[in-house]
Amino acid sequence: MKKIAFIFLNALPILIMISLIPFVENDYFLTLIYTAIIIISLIIKKTKNDLLVLIFGFFIMIASEYFFINTGVETFQRNTLFGLMPLWLPFLWSYGFVAIKRSIEILNT
């Protein structure tokens, strides 16, 4: 039961970020909020390689989303990053990578 609670706590910032999307229409402001949430989350708890995973997730997701958009698989109405996708999207995905890494670590203990 403790593992489930810890995994939920690691996912909580992502749930908060997703819940803000319909309420914050300005992509730049939403990106700023996401950055603050990520920084606070990393200050509260930072495990080994979190920053590396965050940076990896950021760039991998930009490339992946770019590919999906260019193949027509995905489209976005909000396109403040390269005219293709919302600026905040790679920030959300990159922290998702961190949460997944942490969840796997929790399950492996």
Protein backbone atom coordinates (compact mmCIF):
# COMPACT_ATOMS: atom_id res chain seq x y z
CA MET A 1 0.00 0.00 0.00
CA LYS A 2 2.92 2.36 0.70
CA LYS A 3 4.27 1.82 -2.80
CA ILE A 4 0.95 2.87 -4.32
CA ALA A 5 0.90 5.99 -2.19
CA PHE A 6 4.45 6.92 -3.19
CA ILE A 7 3.71 6.32 -6.87
CA PHE A 8 0.60 8.50 -6.59
CA LEU A 9 2.63 11.26 -4.94
CA ASN A 10 5.14 11.11 -7.81
CA ALA A 11 2.30 11.34 -10.33
CA LEU A 12 0.54 14.19 -8.52
CA PRO A 13 2.51 16.99 -10.22
CA ILE A 14 1.56 15.52 -13.61
CA LEU A 15 -2.10 15.35 -12.64
CA ILE A 16 -1.94 18.98 -11.54
CA MET A 17 -0.23 20.01 -14.77
CA ILE A 18 -2.81 18.21 -16.91
CA SER A 19 -5.69 19.71 -14.93
CA LEU A 20 -4.37 23.23 -15.62
CA ILE A 21 -4.47 22.89 -19.42
CA PRO A 22 -8.11 23.92 -19.94
CA PHE A 23 -7.86 26.77 -17.45
CA VAL A 24 -4.63 28.47 -18.58
CA GLU A 25 -5.00 29.50 -22.21
CA ASN A 26 -1.67 31.31 -22.51
CA ASP A 27 0.95 28.71 -23.43
CA TYR A 28 3.83 30.85 -22.18
CA PHE A 29 2.25 31.32 -18.78
CA LEU A 30 1.36 27.63 -18.58
CA THR A 31 4.98 26.75 -19.43
CA LEU A 32 6.11 29.03 -16.61
CA ILE A 33 3.72 27.30 -14.20
CA TYR A 34 4.95 23.88 -15.36
CA THR A 35 8.56 24.96 -14.85
CA ALA A 36 7.73 26.09 -11.31
CA ILE A 37 5.96 22.79 -10.56
CA ILE A 38 8.92 20.80 -11.88
CA ILE A 39 11.46 22.84 -9.90
CA ILE A 40 9.41 22.55 -6.70
CA SER A 41 8.97 18.81 -7.26
CA LEU A 42 12.71 18.35 -7.75
CA ILE A 43 13.47 20.43 -4.65
CA ILE A 44 11.05 18.36 -2.56
CA LYS A 45 12.51 15.10 -3.80
CA LYS A 46 15.48 14.61 -6.08
CA THR A 47 16.73 11.15 -6.81
CA LYS A 48 19.76 10.06 -8.79
CA ASN A 49 19.63 10.97 -12.48
CA ASP A 50 16.34 12.92 -12.25
CA LEU A 51 17.82 15.88 -14.09
CA LEU A 52 19.34 13.66 -16.78
CA VAL A 53 16.01 11.90 -17.34
CA LEU A 54 14.20 15.26 -17.38
CA ILE A 55 16.51 16.65 -20.07
CA PHE A 56 16.42 13.40 -22.07
CA GLY A 57 12.62 13.32 -21.93
CA PHE A 58 12.41 16.95 -22.98
CA PHE A 59 14.41 16.54 -26.17
CA ILE A 60 13.14 13.06 -27.06
CA MET A 61 9.55 14.21 -26.77
CA ILE A 62 10.12 17.28 -28.91
CA ALA A 63 11.56 15.01 -31.61
CA SER A 64 8.80 12.41 -31.19
CA GLU A 65 5.96 14.93 -31.25
CA TYR A 66 7.56 16.65 -34.25
CA PHE A 67 7.60 13.31 -36.09
CA PHE A 68 3.98 12.48 -35.15
CA ILE A 69 2.77 15.91 -36.22
CA ASN A 70 4.62 15.77 -39.54
CA THR A 71 3.14 12.36 -40.35
CA GLY A 72 -0.36 13.68 -39.67
CA VAL A 73 -0.94 11.34 -36.73
CA GLU A 74 -1.32 14.28 -34.34
CA THR A 75 -2.44 17.88 -34.62
CA PHE A 76 -2.64 20.64 -32.05
CA GLN A 77 -4.74 23.77 -31.92
CA ARG A 78 -2.14 25.36 -29.67
CA ASN A 79 1.13 25.57 -31.59
CA THR A 80 3.52 27.94 -29.83
CA LEU A 81 6.56 25.67 -30.25
CA PHE A 82 7.88 25.65 -33.82
CA GLY A 83 4.34 26.45 -34.99
CA LEU A 84 3.48 22.80 -34.42
CA MET A 85 2.79 22.01 -30.78
CA PRO A 86 2.16 23.73 -27.46
CA LEU A 87 5.29 25.07 -25.78
CA TRP A 88 4.35 23.41 -22.48
CA LEU A 89 4.01 19.89 -23.95
CA PRO A 90 7.69 18.84 -23.75
CA PHE A 91 7.80 20.09 -20.15
CA LEU A 92 4.82 17.90 -19.25
CA TRP A 93 6.31 14.89 -21.01
CA SER A 94 9.78 15.41 -19.54
CA TYR A 95 8.46 15.39 -15.99
CA GLY A 96 6.41 12.33 -16.95
CA PHE A 97 9.70 10.57 -17.71
CA VAL A 98 10.94 11.48 -14.21
CA ALA A 99 7.73 10.20 -12.60
CA ILE A 100 7.96 6.93 -14.53
CA LYS A 101 11.61 6.48 -13.52
CA ARG A 102 10.74 7.12 -9.89
CA SER A 103 7.77 4.76 -10.02
CA ILE A 104 9.94 1.97 -11.41
CA GLU A 105 12.45 2.59 -8.62
CA ILE A 106 9.65 2.38 -6.04
CA LEU A 107 8.37 -0.88 -7.52
CA ASN A 108 11.89 -2.34 -7.53
CA THR A 109 12.46 -1.75 -3.81
